[in-house]
N, C-alpha and C. Protein backbone atom coordinates (compact mmCIF):
# COMPACT_ATOMS: atom_id res chain seq x y z
N UNK A 1 0.84 -1.19 0.00
CA UNK A 1 0.00 0.00 0.00
C UNK A 1 0.88 1.24 0.00
N UNK A 2 0.35 2.28 -0.57
CA UNK A 2 1.07 3.54 -0.59
C UNK A 2 0.65 4.38 0.62
N UNK A 3 1.38 5.46 0.82
CA UNK A 3 1.07 6.38 1.92
C UNK A 3 -0.34 6.95 1.76
N UNK A 4 -0.72 7.29 0.55
CA UNK A 4 -2.06 7.84 0.29
C UNK A 4 -3.15 6.81 0.59
N UNK A 5 -2.89 5.53 0.29
CA UNK A 5 -3.86 4.47 0.58
C UNK A 5 -4.09 4.34 2.08
N UNK A 6 -3.03 4.42 2.85
CA UNK A 6 -3.15 4.29 4.31
C UNK A 6 -3.90 5.50 4.88
N UNK A 7 -3.62 6.69 4.37
CA UNK A 7 -4.36 7.88 4.81
C UNK A 7 -5.84 7.71 4.53
N UNK A 8 -6.18 7.23 3.35
CA UNK A 8 -7.58 7.04 2.99
C UNK A 8 -8.24 5.98 3.87
N UNK A 9 -7.51 4.93 4.20
CA UNK A 9 -8.02 3.89 5.10
C UNK A 9 -8.36 4.49 6.46
N UNK A 10 -7.46 5.30 7.00
CA UNK A 10 -7.69 5.91 8.32
C UNK A 10 -8.89 6.84 8.27
N UNK A 11 -8.99 7.66 7.24
CA UNK A 11 -10.12 8.59 7.10
C UNK A 11 -11.43 7.82 6.97
N UNK A 12 -11.43 6.74 6.21
CA UNK A 12 -12.64 5.94 6.01
C UNK A 12 -13.13 5.34 7.32
N UNK A 13 -12.21 4.94 8.18
CA UNK A 13 -12.60 4.35 9.45
C UNK A 13 -13.01 5.41 10.46
N UNK A 14 -12.29 6.53 10.50
CA UNK A 14 -12.51 7.55 11.54
C UNK A 14 -13.71 8.44 11.24
N UNK A 15 -13.99 8.74 9.99
CA UNK A 15 -15.05 9.68 9.62
C UNK A 15 -16.42 9.34 10.23
N UNK A 16 -16.86 8.08 10.22
CA UNK A 16 -18.17 7.80 10.83
C UNK A 16 -18.17 7.91 12.36
N UNK A 17 -17.01 7.89 12.97
CA UNK A 17 -16.92 7.95 14.42
C UNK A 17 -17.06 9.36 14.98
N UNK A 18 -16.69 10.36 14.19
CA UNK A 18 -16.63 11.73 14.68
C UNK A 18 -17.82 12.55 14.22
N UNK A 19 -18.10 13.62 14.96
CA UNK A 19 -19.20 14.52 14.60
C UNK A 19 -18.76 15.50 13.51
N UNK A 20 -17.50 15.94 13.56
CA UNK A 20 -16.98 16.92 12.60
C UNK A 20 -15.93 16.25 11.72
N UNK A 21 -16.38 15.60 10.65
CA UNK A 21 -15.45 14.88 9.78
C UNK A 21 -14.56 15.83 8.96
N UNK A 22 -14.94 17.10 8.86
CA UNK A 22 -14.12 18.07 8.14
C UNK A 22 -12.85 18.42 8.92
N UNK A 23 -12.83 18.16 10.21
CA UNK A 23 -11.67 18.51 11.05
C UNK A 23 -10.61 17.42 11.09
N UNK A 24 -10.82 16.32 10.38
CA UNK A 24 -9.84 15.22 10.38
C UNK A 24 -8.61 15.65 9.59
N UNK A 25 -7.45 15.57 10.23
CA UNK A 25 -6.18 15.89 9.58
C UNK A 25 -5.20 14.75 9.85
N UNK A 26 -4.44 14.38 8.84
CA UNK A 26 -3.41 13.35 8.99
C UNK A 26 -2.10 13.90 8.45
N UNK A 27 -1.12 13.93 9.31
CA UNK A 27 0.22 14.38 8.94
C UNK A 27 1.14 13.17 9.02
N UNK A 28 2.05 13.05 8.08
CA UNK A 28 2.97 11.91 8.10
C UNK A 28 4.39 12.39 8.38
N UNK A 29 5.10 11.57 9.14
CA UNK A 29 6.51 11.83 9.42
C UNK A 29 7.25 10.51 9.33
N UNK A 30 8.39 10.55 8.68
CA UNK A 30 9.23 9.35 8.54
C UNK A 30 10.35 9.40 9.57
N UNK A 31 10.65 8.24 10.13
CA UNK A 31 11.87 8.09 10.90
C UNK A 31 12.57 6.83 10.40
N UNK A 32 13.50 6.32 11.14
CA UNK A 32 14.31 5.21 10.61
C UNK A 32 13.52 3.93 10.42
N UNK A 33 12.54 3.65 11.28
CA UNK A 33 11.80 2.40 11.20
C UNK A 33 10.33 2.54 10.85
N UNK A 34 9.76 3.72 11.06
CA UNK A 34 8.31 3.88 10.92
C UNK A 34 7.93 5.04 10.03
N UNK A 35 6.77 4.90 9.41
CA UNK A 35 6.08 6.00 8.78
C UNK A 35 4.93 6.32 9.72
N UNK A 36 5.05 7.42 10.45
CA UNK A 36 4.09 7.80 11.48
C UNK A 36 2.95 8.59 10.86
N UNK A 37 1.74 8.16 11.12
CA UNK A 37 0.54 8.88 10.71
C UNK A 37 -0.02 9.54 11.95
N UNK A 38 0.07 10.86 12.03
CA UNK A 38 -0.41 11.62 13.18
C UNK A 38 -1.82 12.12 12.88
N UNK A 39 -2.79 11.55 13.58
CA UNK A 39 -4.20 11.85 13.36
C UNK A 39 -4.65 12.94 14.32
N UNK A 40 -5.25 13.98 13.77
CA UNK A 40 -5.81 15.06 14.56
C UNK A 40 -7.28 15.19 14.21
N UNK A 41 -8.12 15.24 15.23
CA UNK A 41 -9.56 15.45 15.04
C UNK A 41 -9.98 16.63 15.90
N UNK A 42 -11.24 17.05 15.77
CA UNK A 42 -11.76 18.14 16.59
C UNK A 42 -11.66 17.77 18.07
N UNK A 43 -11.49 18.77 18.89
CA UNK A 43 -11.29 18.55 20.33
C UNK A 43 -12.43 17.73 20.95
N UNK A 44 -13.66 17.98 20.52
CA UNK A 44 -14.82 17.25 21.06
C UNK A 44 -14.87 15.80 20.59
N UNK A 45 -14.14 15.46 19.54
CA UNK A 45 -14.19 14.12 18.97
C UNK A 45 -13.06 13.20 19.41
N UNK A 46 -12.11 13.71 20.16
CA UNK A 46 -10.96 12.91 20.57
C UNK A 46 -11.42 11.69 21.37
N UNK A 47 -12.34 11.88 22.28
CA UNK A 47 -12.85 10.76 23.09
C UNK A 47 -13.55 9.71 22.25
N UNK A 48 -14.21 10.12 21.20
CA UNK A 48 -14.88 9.16 20.32
C UNK A 48 -13.89 8.29 19.56
N UNK A 49 -12.76 8.88 19.20
CA UNK A 49 -11.74 8.14 18.45
C UNK A 49 -10.97 7.22 19.39
N UNK A 50 -10.75 7.65 20.63
CA UNK A 50 -10.03 6.82 21.59
C UNK A 50 -10.93 5.70 22.11
N UNK A 51 -12.18 6.00 22.43
CA UNK A 51 -13.12 4.99 22.89
C UNK A 51 -12.94 4.64 24.36
N UNK A 52 -13.86 3.84 24.86
CA UNK A 52 -13.79 3.42 26.26
C UNK A 52 -12.56 2.55 26.47
N UNK A 53 -11.78 2.95 27.45
CA UNK A 53 -10.55 2.24 27.80
C UNK A 53 -9.58 2.12 26.63
N UNK A 54 -9.71 3.01 25.64
CA UNK A 54 -8.78 3.02 24.51
C UNK A 54 -8.99 1.90 23.51
N UNK A 55 -10.14 1.27 23.54
CA UNK A 55 -10.37 0.11 22.68
C UNK A 55 -10.42 0.47 21.20
N UNK A 56 -11.08 1.56 20.86
CA UNK A 56 -11.16 1.96 19.45
C UNK A 56 -9.78 2.36 18.94
N UNK A 57 -9.05 3.13 19.75
CA UNK A 57 -7.70 3.55 19.36
C UNK A 57 -6.80 2.34 19.15
N UNK A 58 -6.89 1.36 20.03
CA UNK A 58 -6.05 0.17 19.90
C UNK A 58 -6.42 -0.62 18.64
N UNK A 59 -7.70 -0.71 18.33
CA UNK A 59 -8.13 -1.41 17.12
C UNK A 59 -7.62 -0.68 15.86
N UNK A 60 -7.70 0.66 15.86
CA UNK A 60 -7.18 1.44 14.74
C UNK A 60 -5.69 1.23 14.58
N UNK A 61 -4.97 1.26 15.69
CA UNK A 61 -3.51 1.07 15.62
C UNK A 61 -3.17 -0.33 15.11
N UNK A 62 -3.93 -1.32 15.53
CA UNK A 62 -3.69 -2.69 15.06
C UNK A 62 -3.87 -2.78 13.55
N UNK A 63 -4.93 -2.18 13.03
CA UNK A 63 -5.16 -2.20 11.59
C UNK A 63 -4.05 -1.49 10.82
N UNK A 64 -3.68 -0.31 11.29
CA UNK A 64 -2.66 0.46 10.59
C UNK A 64 -1.30 -0.23 10.68
N UNK A 65 -0.98 -0.78 11.84
CA UNK A 65 0.32 -1.43 12.01
C UNK A 65 0.45 -2.68 11.15
N UNK A 66 -0.69 -3.31 10.83
CA UNK A 66 -0.65 -4.53 10.03
C UNK A 66 -0.48 -4.27 8.53
N UNK A 67 -0.60 -3.01 8.12
CA UNK A 67 -0.47 -2.64 6.71
C UNK A 67 0.99 -2.78 6.29
N UNK A 68 1.19 -3.36 5.12
CA UNK A 68 2.53 -3.45 4.55
C UNK A 68 2.67 -2.38 3.49
N UNK A 69 3.62 -1.50 3.71
CA UNK A 69 3.86 -0.40 2.79
C UNK A 69 4.68 -0.86 1.60
N UNK A 70 4.65 -0.08 0.52
CA UNK A 70 5.45 -0.38 -0.65
C UNK A 70 6.94 -0.34 -0.31
N UNK A 71 7.33 0.57 0.59
CA UNK A 71 8.70 0.64 1.07
C UNK A 71 8.83 -0.40 2.19
N UNK A 72 9.40 -1.55 1.89
CA UNK A 72 9.44 -2.68 2.81
C UNK A 72 10.23 -2.40 4.08
N UNK A 73 11.09 -1.38 4.08
CA UNK A 73 11.90 -1.11 5.25
C UNK A 73 11.15 -0.34 6.33
N UNK A 74 9.96 0.20 6.01
CA UNK A 74 9.19 0.98 6.96
C UNK A 74 7.91 0.26 7.37
N UNK A 75 7.48 0.52 8.60
CA UNK A 75 6.18 0.04 9.08
C UNK A 75 5.31 1.25 9.35
N UNK A 76 4.03 1.06 9.22
CA UNK A 76 3.08 2.17 9.48
C UNK A 76 2.73 2.18 10.96
N UNK A 77 2.60 3.40 11.51
CA UNK A 77 2.23 3.54 12.92
C UNK A 77 1.27 4.72 13.03
N UNK A 78 0.21 4.56 13.82
CA UNK A 78 -0.80 5.61 14.02
C UNK A 78 -0.63 6.25 15.39
N UNK A 79 -0.58 7.57 15.40
CA UNK A 79 -0.54 8.36 16.64
C UNK A 79 -1.76 9.27 16.64
N UNK A 80 -2.49 9.28 17.73
CA UNK A 80 -3.63 10.18 17.86
C UNK A 80 -3.15 11.40 18.64
N UNK A 81 -3.17 12.55 17.98
CA UNK A 81 -2.65 13.78 18.57
C UNK A 81 -3.79 14.49 19.31
N UNK A 82 -3.57 14.74 20.58
CA UNK A 82 -4.56 15.42 21.42
C UNK A 82 -4.00 16.78 21.79
N UNK A 83 -4.50 17.83 21.12
CA UNK A 83 -4.00 19.19 21.40
C UNK A 83 -4.69 19.80 22.59
């Protein structure tokens, strides 16, 4: 999968969970081992994305981490940014 495919996957999963889908932002940063996808949503929607006891966030991270990128040396990782 490409970086754009993973972004679209995250948006497709997160959009129905939040009240303000227009506020979804995904920023990517590369480091030596990971391609980090930093997800930002509206302040009121952070709890909806994290879920009770972090279950939704953990499920999202599991899905994203299981994705194999075209660049075999990198793994995908999801970070939920809470401003």
